[in-house]
PDB file of N, CA and C in Angstrom:
ATOM      1  N   UNK A   1      72.747  58.272 143.669  1.00  0.00           N
ATOM      2  CA  UNK A   1      72.622  59.591 143.448  1.00  0.00           C
ATOM      3  C   UNK A   1      72.574  60.489 142.516  1.00  0.00           C
ATOM      4  N   UNK A   2      71.869  61.973 142.236  1.00  0.00           N
ATOM      5  CA  UNK A   2      71.708  62.443 141.184  1.00  0.00           C
ATOM      6  C   UNK A   2      72.544  63.961 140.995  1.00  0.00           C
ATOM      7  N   UNK A   3      72.529  64.357 139.361  1.00  0.00           N
ATOM      8  CA  UNK A   3      72.937  65.471 139.692  1.00  0.00           C
ATOM      9  C   UNK A   3      71.885  66.582 138.931  1.00  0.00           C
ATOM     10  N   UNK A   4      72.126  67.752 139.697  1.00  0.00           N
ATOM     11  CA  UNK A   4      71.092  68.453 139.196  1.00  0.00           C
ATOM     12  C   UNK A   4      71.682  70.066 138.495  1.00  0.00           C
ATOM     13  N   UNK A   5      71.883  70.247 137.353  1.00  0.00           N
ATOM     14  CA  UNK A   5      72.681  71.285 136.578  1.00  0.00           C
ATOM     15  C   UNK A   5      71.801  72.856 136.884  1.00  0.00           C
ATOM     16  N   UNK A   6      71.861  73.434 137.047  1.00  0.00           N
ATOM     17  CA  UNK A   6      71.267  75.244 136.835  1.00  0.00           C
ATOM     18  C   UNK A   6      72.147  76.069 136.368  1.00  0.00           C
ATOM     19  N   UNK A   7      71.648  76.504 135.103  1.00  0.00           N
ATOM     20  CA  UNK A   7      72.282  77.935 134.617  1.00  0.00           C
ATOM     21  C   UNK A   7      71.554  79.281 135.034  1.00  0.00           C
ATOM     22  N   UNK A   8      72.089  80.114 135.823  1.00  0.00           N
ATOM     23  CA  UNK A   8      71.453  81.000 136.417  1.00  0.00           C
ATOM     24  C   UNK A   8      71.445  82.053 134.925  1.00  0.00           C
ATOM     25  N   UNK A   9      70.974  82.717 134.480  1.00  0.00           N
ATOM     26  CA  UNK A   9      71.649  83.717 133.727  1.00  0.00           C
ATOM     27  C   UNK A   9      71.221  85.242 134.125  1.00  0.00           C
ATOM     28  N   UNK A  10      70.052  85.614 134.102  1.00  0.00           N
ATOM     29  CA  UNK A  10      70.017  87.015 134.600  1.00  0.00           C
ATOM     30  C   UNK A  10      68.860  87.674 135.114  1.00  0.00           C
ATOM     31  N   UNK A  11      69.146  88.698 135.394  1.00  0.00           N
ATOM     32  CA  UNK A  11      67.486  89.405 136.119  1.00  0.00           C
ATOM     33  C   UNK A  11      67.145  90.814 135.284  1.00  0.00           C
ATOM     34  N   UNK A  12      65.917  90.396 135.259  1.00  0.00           N
ATOM     35  CA  UNK A  12      65.319  92.155 134.627  1.00  0.00           C
ATOM     36  C   UNK A  12      64.974  92.807 135.216  1.00  0.00           C
ATOM     37  N   UNK A  13      64.193  93.936 135.056  1.00  0.00           N
ATOM     38  CA  UNK A  13      63.643  95.000 135.526  1.00  0.00           C
ATOM     39  C   UNK A  13      63.348  94.947 137.163  1.00  0.00           C
ATOM     40  N   UNK A  14      64.632  94.842 138.154  1.00  0.00           N
ATOM     41  CA  UNK A  14      64.348  94.467 139.379  1.00  0.00           C
ATOM     42  C   UNK A  14      63.720  95.151 140.053  1.00  0.00           C
ATOM     43  N   UNK A  15      63.427  95.243 141.249  1.00  0.00           N
ATOM     44  CA  UNK A  15      63.162  96.558 142.226  1.00  0.00           C
ATOM     45  C   UNK A  15      64.232  97.202 143.169  1.00  0.00           C
ATOM     46  N   UNK A  16      64.214  98.488 142.793  1.00  0.00           N
ATOM     47  CA  UNK A  16      65.532  99.281 143.446  1.00  0.00           C
ATOM     48  C   UNK A  16      65.080  99.108 145.028  1.00  0.00           C
ATOM     49  N   UNK A  17      66.230  98.585 145.422  1.00  0.00           N
ATOM     50  CA  UNK A  17      66.456  98.407 146.877  1.00  0.00           C
ATOM     51  C   UNK A  17      67.003  99.464 147.735  1.00  0.00           C
ATOM     52  N   UNK A  18      67.828 100.015 147.090  1.00  0.00           N
ATOM     53  CA  UNK A  18      69.235 101.403 147.796  1.00  0.00           C
ATOM     54  C   UNK A  18      68.451 102.563 147.468  1.00  0.00           C
ATOM     55  N   UNK A  19      69.166 103.272 148.362  1.00  0.00           N
ATOM     56  CA  UNK A  19      68.717 105.263 148.122  1.00  0.00           C
ATOM     57  C   UNK A  19      69.086 105.112 146.948  1.00  0.00           C
ATOM     58  N   UNK A  20      70.572 104.559 146.226  1.00  0.00           N
ATOM     59  CA  UNK A  20      70.725 105.338 144.734  1.00  0.00           C
ATOM     60  C   UNK A  20      70.065 104.858 143.376  1.00  0.00           C
ATOM     61  N   UNK A  21      68.637 104.186 144.111  1.00  0.00           N
ATOM     62  CA  UNK A  21      67.800 103.748 142.942  1.00  0.00           C
ATOM     63  C   UNK A  21      68.171 102.423 142.018  1.00  0.00           C
ATOM     64  N   UNK A  22      69.069 101.791 142.960  1.00  0.00           N
ATOM     65  CA  UNK A  22      69.544 100.518 142.101  1.00  0.00           C
ATOM     66  C   UNK A  22      69.638  99.515 142.906  1.00  0.00           C
ATOM     67  N   UNK A  23      70.324  98.291 142.947  1.00  0.00           N
ATOM     68  CA  UNK A  23      70.007  97.032 143.688  1.00  0.00           C
ATOM     69  C   UNK A  23      71.470  96.374 143.525  1.00  0.00           C
ATOM     70  N   UNK A  24      72.080  95.788 144.654  1.00  0.00           N
ATOM     71  CA  UNK A  24      73.413  94.800 144.319  1.00  0.00           C
ATOM     72  C   UNK A  24      72.451  93.275 144.876  1.00  0.00           C
ATOM     73  N   UNK A  25      72.105  92.669 143.750  1.00  0.00           N
ATOM     74  CA  UNK A  25      71.681  91.129 143.535  1.00  0.00           C
ATOM     75  C   UNK A  25      72.234  90.364 143.638  1.00  0.00           C
ATOM     76  N   UNK A  26      71.728  89.489 144.310  1.00  0.00           N
ATOM     77  CA  UNK A  26      72.111  87.921 144.397  1.00  0.00           C
ATOM     78  C   UNK A  26      71.418  86.520 144.508  1.00  0.00           C
ATOM     79  N   UNK A  27      71.357  85.583 144.202  1.00  0.00           N
ATOM     80  CA  UNK A  27      70.775  84.786 144.287  1.00  0.00           C
ATOM     81  C   UNK A  27      71.061  83.213 145.701  1.00  0.00           C
ATOM     82  N   UNK A  28      69.963  82.510 145.997  1.00  0.00           N
ATOM     83  CA  UNK A  28      70.661  81.983 146.677  1.00  0.00           C
ATOM     84  C   UNK A  28      69.716  80.470 146.612  1.00  0.00           C
ATOM     85  N   UNK A  29      70.014  79.313 145.932  1.00  0.00           N
ATOM     86  CA  UNK A  29      69.613  78.133 145.261  1.00  0.00           C
ATOM     87  C   UNK A  29      69.744  77.507 145.919  1.00  0.00           C
ATOM     88  N   UNK A  30      68.371  76.845 146.769  1.00  0.00           N
ATOM     89  CA  UNK A  30      68.072  75.486 147.547  1.00  0.00           C
ATOM     90  C   UNK A  30      67.468  74.839 147.020  1.00  0.00           C
ATOM     91  N   UNK A  31      67.715  73.364 147.461  1.00  0.00           N
ATOM     92  CA  UNK A  31      66.722  72.083 147.152  1.00  0.00           C
ATOM     93  C   UNK A  31      67.323  71.253 148.089  1.00  0.00           C
ATOM     94  N   UNK A  32      66.043  71.365 149.069  1.00  0.00           N
ATOM     95  CA  UNK A  32      66.265  70.350 150.346  1.00  0.00           C
ATOM     96  C   UNK A  32      67.333  70.850 151.541  1.00  0.00           C
ATOM     97  N   UNK A  33      68.323  70.235 151.425  1.00  0.00           N
ATOM     98  CA  UNK A  33      69.445  71.022 152.310  1.00  0.00           C
ATOM     99  C   UNK A  33      70.424  71.622 151.735  1.00  0.00           C
ATOM    100  N   UNK A  34      70.500  71.359 150.435  1.00  0.00           N
ATOM    101  CA  UNK A  34      72.027  71.949 149.587  1.00  0.00           C
ATOM    102  C   UNK A  34      71.463  73.420 149.016  1.00  0.00           C
ATOM    103  N   UNK A  35      72.626  73.816 149.221  1.00  0.00           N
ATOM    104  CA  UNK A  35      72.361  75.476 148.740  1.00  0.00           C
ATOM    105  C   UNK A  35      73.826  75.823 147.951  1.00  0.00           C
ATOM    106  N   UNK A  36      73.356  77.176 147.479  1.00  0.00           N
ATOM    107  CA  UNK A  36      74.384  77.480 146.132  1.00  0.00           C
ATOM    108  C   UNK A  36      74.111  78.855 146.163  1.00  0.00           C
ATOM    109  N   UNK A  37      75.139  79.565 146.144  1.00  0.00           N
ATOM    110  CA  UNK A  37      74.945  81.007 146.375  1.00  0.00           C
ATOM    111  C   UNK A  37      75.566  81.870 144.916  1.00  0.00           C
ATOM    112  N   UNK A  38      74.932  82.973 143.995  1.00  0.00           N
ATOM    113  CA  UNK A  38      75.536  83.984 143.384  1.00  0.00           C
ATOM    114  C   UNK A  38      76.290  84.452 143.810  1.00  0.00           C
ATOM    115  N   UNK A  39      76.996  85.339 142.883  1.00  0.00           N
ATOM    116  CA  UNK A  39      78.313  86.317 143.069  1.00  0.00           C
ATOM    117  C   UNK A  39      76.950  87.926 142.891  1.00  0.00           C
ATOM    118  N   UNK A  40      77.311  88.586 143.526  1.00  0.00           N
ATOM    119  CA  UNK A  40      76.668  89.728 143.507  1.00  0.00           C
ATOM    120  C   UNK A  40      77.181  90.590 142.644  1.00  0.00           C
ATOM    121  N   UNK A  41      75.883  90.836 141.956  1.00  0.00           N
ATOM    122  CA  UNK A  41      75.897  91.821 140.623  1.00  0.00           C
ATOM    123  C   UNK A  41      75.861  93.483 141.639  1.00  0.00           C
ATOM    124  N   UNK A  42      76.805  94.005 141.345  1.00  0.00           N
ATOM    125  CA  UNK A  42      76.713  95.844 142.206  1.00  0.00           C
ATOM    126  C   UNK A  42      75.845  96.465 141.465  1.00  0.00           C
ATOM    127  N   UNK A  43      75.272  97.416 141.625  1.00  0.00           N
ATOM    128  CA  UNK A  43      74.615  98.621 141.267  1.00  0.00           C
ATOM    129  C   UNK A  43      73.742  98.376 139.906  1.00  0.00           C
ATOM    130  N   UNK A  44      72.485  97.519 139.775  1.00  0.00           N
ATOM    131  CA  UNK A  44      72.005  96.954 138.632  1.00  0.00           C
ATOM    132  C   UNK A  44      70.818  96.859 139.030  1.00  0.00           C
ATOM    133  N   UNK A  45      69.720  96.926 138.248  1.00  0.00           N
ATOM    134  CA  UNK A  45      68.618  96.449 138.235  1.00  0.00           C
ATOM    135  C   UNK A  45      67.975  95.046 137.177  1.00  0.00           C
ATOM    136  N   UNK A  46      69.573  95.504 136.312  1.00  0.00           N
ATOM    137  CA  UNK A  46      69.322  94.374 135.476  1.00  0.00           C
ATOM    138  C   UNK A  46      70.517  93.276 135.432  1.00  0.00           C
ATOM    139  N   UNK A  47      70.944  92.242 136.657  1.00  0.00           N
ATOM    140  CA  UNK A  47      72.060  91.483 136.505  1.00  0.00           C
ATOM    141  C   UNK A  47      71.887  90.765 135.621  1.00  0.00           C
ATOM    142  N   UNK A  48      73.686  90.143 135.358  1.00  0.00           N
ATOM    143  CA  UNK A  48      74.283  89.196 134.292  1.00  0.00           C
ATOM    144  C   UNK A  48      74.559  88.410 135.254  1.00  0.00           C
ATOM    145  N   UNK A  49      74.455  87.393 135.492  1.00  0.00           N
ATOM    146  CA  UNK A  49      75.362  86.513 136.032  1.00  0.00           C
ATOM    147  C   UNK A  49      75.881  85.632 135.425  1.00  0.00           C
ATOM    148  N   UNK A  50      75.393  84.674 134.791  1.00  0.00           N
ATOM    149  CA  UNK A  50      76.010  83.452 133.726  1.00  0.00           C
ATOM    150  C   UNK A  50      76.784  82.780 134.084  1.00  0.00           C
ATOM    151  N   UNK A  51      75.589  81.927 135.829  1.00  0.00           N
ATOM    152  CA  UNK A  51      76.805  80.797 136.507  1.00  0.00           C
ATOM    153  C   UNK A  51      76.294  79.669 136.172  1.00  0.00           C
ATOM    154  N   UNK A  52      76.741  78.936 136.408  1.00  0.00           N
ATOM    155  CA  UNK A  52      76.224  77.587 136.466  1.00  0.00           C
ATOM    156  C   UNK A  52      76.620  76.875 137.810  1.00  0.00           C
ATOM    157  N   UNK A  53      75.407  75.957 137.994  1.00  0.00           N
ATOM    158  CA  UNK A  53      75.618  75.320 139.625  1.00  0.00           C
ATOM    159  C   UNK A  53      75.335  73.642 139.272  1.00  0.00           C
ATOM    160  N   UNK A  54      76.106  72.419 139.836  1.00  0.00           N
ATOM    161  CA  UNK A  54      75.767  71.361 139.699  1.00  0.00           C
ATOM    162  C   UNK A  54      75.594  71.412 141.363  1.00  0.00           C
ATOM    163  N   UNK A  55      74.157  70.420 141.529  1.00  0.00           N
ATOM    164  CA  UNK A  55      73.945  69.893 143.048  1.00  0.00           C
ATOM    165  C   UNK A  55      73.838  68.411 142.943  1.00  0.00           C
ATOM    166  N   UNK A  56      74.693  67.567 143.449  1.00  0.00           N
ATOM    167  CA  UNK A  56      74.275  66.333 143.530  1.00  0.00           C
ATOM    168  C   UNK A  56      73.593  66.101 144.914  1.00  0.00           C
ATOM    169  N   UNK A  57      72.269  65.434 144.222  1.00  0.00           N
ATOM    170  CA  UNK A  57      71.158  65.070 145.424  1.00  0.00           C
ATOM    171  C   UNK A  57      70.979  63.586 145.250  1.00  0.00           C
ATOM    172  N   UNK A  58      70.132  63.074 146.441  1.00  0.00           N
ATOM    173  CA  UNK A  58      69.715  61.773 146.668  1.00  0.00           C
ATOM    174  C   UNK A  58      68.795  61.572 145.754  1.00  0.00           C
ATOM    175  N   UNK A  59      68.320  60.239 145.198  1.00  0.00           N
ATOM    176  CA  UNK A  59      67.375  59.791 144.775  1.00  0.00           C
ATOM    177  C   UNK A  59      66.241  59.536 145.388  1.00  0.00           C
ATOM    178  N   UNK A  60      65.365  59.768 144.942  1.00  0.00           N
ATOM    179  CA  UNK A  60      64.757  60.381 144.162  1.00  0.00           C
ATOM    180  C   UNK A  60      64.649  62.126 144.934  1.00  0.00           C
ATOM    181  N   UNK A  61      64.969  63.192 144.202  1.00  0.00           N
ATOM    182  CA  UNK A  61      65.615  64.493 144.375  1.00  0.00           C
ATOM    183  C   UNK A  61      64.214  65.071 145.152  1.00  0.00           C
ATOM    184  N   UNK A  62      64.261  66.323 146.486  1.00  0.00           N
ATOM    185  CA  UNK A  62      63.706  66.803 146.994  1.00  0.00           C
ATOM    186  C   UNK A  62      62.772  67.448 145.814  1.00  0.00           C
ATOM    187  N   UNK A  63      61.296  67.728 145.810  1.00  0.00           N
ATOM    188  CA  UNK A  63      60.243  67.921 145.207  1.00  0.00           C
ATOM    189  C   UNK A  63      60.778  69.427 144.713  1.00  0.00           C
ATOM    190  N   UNK A  64      61.243  70.137 145.473  1.00  0.00           N
ATOM    191  CA  UNK A  64      61.388  71.715 144.652  1.00  0.00           C
ATOM    192  C   UNK A  64      62.449  72.673 145.063  1.00  0.00           C
ATOM    193  N   UNK A  65      62.978  73.301 143.942  1.00  0.00           N
ATOM    194  CA  UNK A  65      63.889  74.314 144.072  1.00  0.00           C
ATOM    195  C   UNK A  65      63.515  75.297 144.035  1.00  0.00           C
ATOM    196  N   UNK A  66      64.250  76.001 145.303  1.00  0.00           N
ATOM    197  CA  UNK A  66      63.429  77.692 145.485  1.00  0.00           C
ATOM    198  C   UNK A  66      64.958  78.563 144.932  1.00  0.00           C
ATOM    199  N   UNK A  67      64.557  79.469 144.563  1.00  0.00           N
ATOM    200  CA  UNK A  67      65.410  80.449 144.006  1.00  0.00           C
ATOM    201  C   UNK A  67      64.981  81.801 144.766  1.00  0.00           C
ATOM    202  N   UNK A  68      65.653  82.238 145.535  1.00  0.00           N
ATOM    203  CA  UNK A  68      65.508  83.291 146.531  1.00  0.00           C
ATOM    204  C   UNK A  68      66.248  84.609 146.141  1.00  0.00           C
ATOM    205  N   UNK A  69      65.887  85.864 145.881  1.00  0.00           N
ATOM    206  CA  UNK A  69      66.697  87.187 145.219  1.00  0.00           C
ATOM    207  C   UNK A  69      66.979  87.765 146.727  1.00  0.00           C
ATOM    208  N   UNK A  70      67.767  88.371 146.473  1.00  0.00           N
ATOM    209  CA  UNK A  70      68.299  89.289 147.622  1.00  0.00           C
ATOM    210  C   UNK A  70      69.110  90.563 147.470  1.00  0.00           C
ATOM    211  N   UNK A  71      69.006  91.460 148.346  1.00  0.00           N
ATOM    212  CA  UNK A  71      69.677  92.441 147.790  1.00  0.00           C
ATOM    213  C   UNK A  71      70.907  92.833 149.153  1.00  0.00           C
ATOM    214  N   UNK A  72      72.091  93.198 148.436  1.00  0.00           N
ATOM    215  CA  UNK A  72      73.022  92.791 149.762  1.00  0.00           C
ATOM    216  C   UNK A  72      73.317  94.273 150.286  1.00  0.00           C
ATOM    217  N   UNK A  73      73.557  94.239 151.589  1.00  0.00           N
ATOM    218  CA  UNK A  73      73.306  95.230 151.531  1.00  0.00           C
ATOM    219  C   UNK A  73      74.815  95.119 153.080  1.00  0.00           C
ATOM    220  N   UNK A  74      75.559  96.885 152.997  1.00  0.00           N
ATOM    221  CA  UNK A  74      76.731  96.692 153.518  1.00  0.00           C
ATOM    222  C   UNK A  74      76.461  97.200 154.769  1.00  0.00           C
ATOM    223  N   UNK A  75      75.627  97.793 155.942  1.00  0.00           N
ATOM    224  CA  UNK A  75      74.952  97.900 157.098  1.00  0.00           C
ATOM    225  C   UNK A  75      73.736  96.499 157.100  1.00  0.00           C
ATOM    226  N   UNK A  76      73.239  95.883 158.181  1.00  0.00           N
ATOM    227  CA  UNK A  76      71.817  95.473 158.509  1.00  0.00           C
ATOM    228  C   UNK A  76      71.873  94.215 157.117  1.00  0.00           C
ATOM    229  N   UNK A  77      70.983  93.802 157.314  1.00  0.00           N
ATOM    230  CA  UNK A  77      70.634  92.559 157.046  1.00  0.00           C
ATOM    231  C   UNK A  77      70.375  92.813 155.391  1.00  0.00           C
ATOM    232  N   UNK A  78      70.414  92.079 154.660  1.00  0.00           N
ATOM    233  CA  UNK A  78      70.308  91.857 153.332  1.00  0.00           C
ATOM    234  C   UNK A  78      69.058  92.128 153.155  1.00  0.00           C
ATOM    235  N   UNK A  79      68.480  92.328 151.927  1.00  0.00           N
ATOM    236  CA  UNK A  79      66.920  92.506 152.085  1.00  0.00           C
ATOM    237  C   UNK A  79      66.265  91.877 151.087  1.00  0.00           C
ATOM    238  N   UNK A  80      65.306  90.966 151.286  1.00  0.00           N
ATOM    239  CA  UNK A  80      64.815  89.792 150.195  1.00  0.00           C
ATOM    240  C   UNK A  80      64.079  90.547 149.411  1.00  0.00           C
ATOM    241  N   UNK A  81      64.333  90.254 148.195  1.00  0.00           N
ATOM    242  CA  UNK A  81      63.604  90.767 147.100  1.00  0.00           C
ATOM    243  C   UNK A  81      62.355  89.985 146.625  1.00  0.00           C
ATOM    244  N   UNK A  82      62.627  88.664 146.234  1.00  0.00           N
ATOM    245  CA  UNK A  82      61.699  87.914 146.202  1.00  0.00           C
ATOM    246  C   UNK A  82      62.077  86.318 146.057  1.00  0.00           C
ATOM    247  N   UNK A  83      61.163  85.324 145.334  1.00  0.00           N
ATOM    248  CA  UNK A  83      61.510  84.013 145.920  1.00  0.00           C
ATOM    249  C   UNK A  83      60.360  83.271 144.524  1.00  0.00           C
ATOM    250  N   UNK A  84      61.446  82.457 143.956  1.00  0.00           N
ATOM    251  CA  UNK A  84      60.434  81.787 142.916  1.00  0.00           C
ATOM    252  C   UNK A  84      60.828  80.227 143.125  1.00  0.00           C
ATOM    253  N   UNK A  85      59.421  79.531 143.129  1.00  0.00           N
ATOM    254  CA  UNK A  85      59.617  77.918 143.308  1.00  0.00           C
ATOM    255  C   UNK A  85      59.352  77.395 142.029  1.00  0.00           C
ATOM    256  N   UNK A  86      60.309  75.970 142.164  1.00  0.00           N
ATOM    257  CA  UNK A  86      59.853  75.551 140.676  1.00  0.00           C
ATOM    258  C   UNK A  86      60.388  73.711 140.735  1.00  0.00           C
ATOM    259  N   UNK A  87      59.452  73.357 140.426  1.00  0.00           N
ATOM    260  CA  UNK A  87      59.148  71.308 140.650  1.00  0.00           C
ATOM    261  C   UNK A  87      60.309  71.013 139.370  1.00  0.00           C
TER     262      UNK A  87
END
């Protein structure tokens, strides 16, 4: 097993997804079958998470880490805002 440490710091100039001109962003990090989810930062386009995650992974680890950005909705499904894939 190996450990992957990820520091999720902030987002800037995100797209407004809500009627109030803001978003309620959170990030889902997944690598292989392992997932972590950040806290939701309400009513902002410049969220600051300052969160750290550790994932225990098999050796060798899966080749890609996905960072999926979502907007939390009170009614209906959350809105997908974007994705970043890292090696």
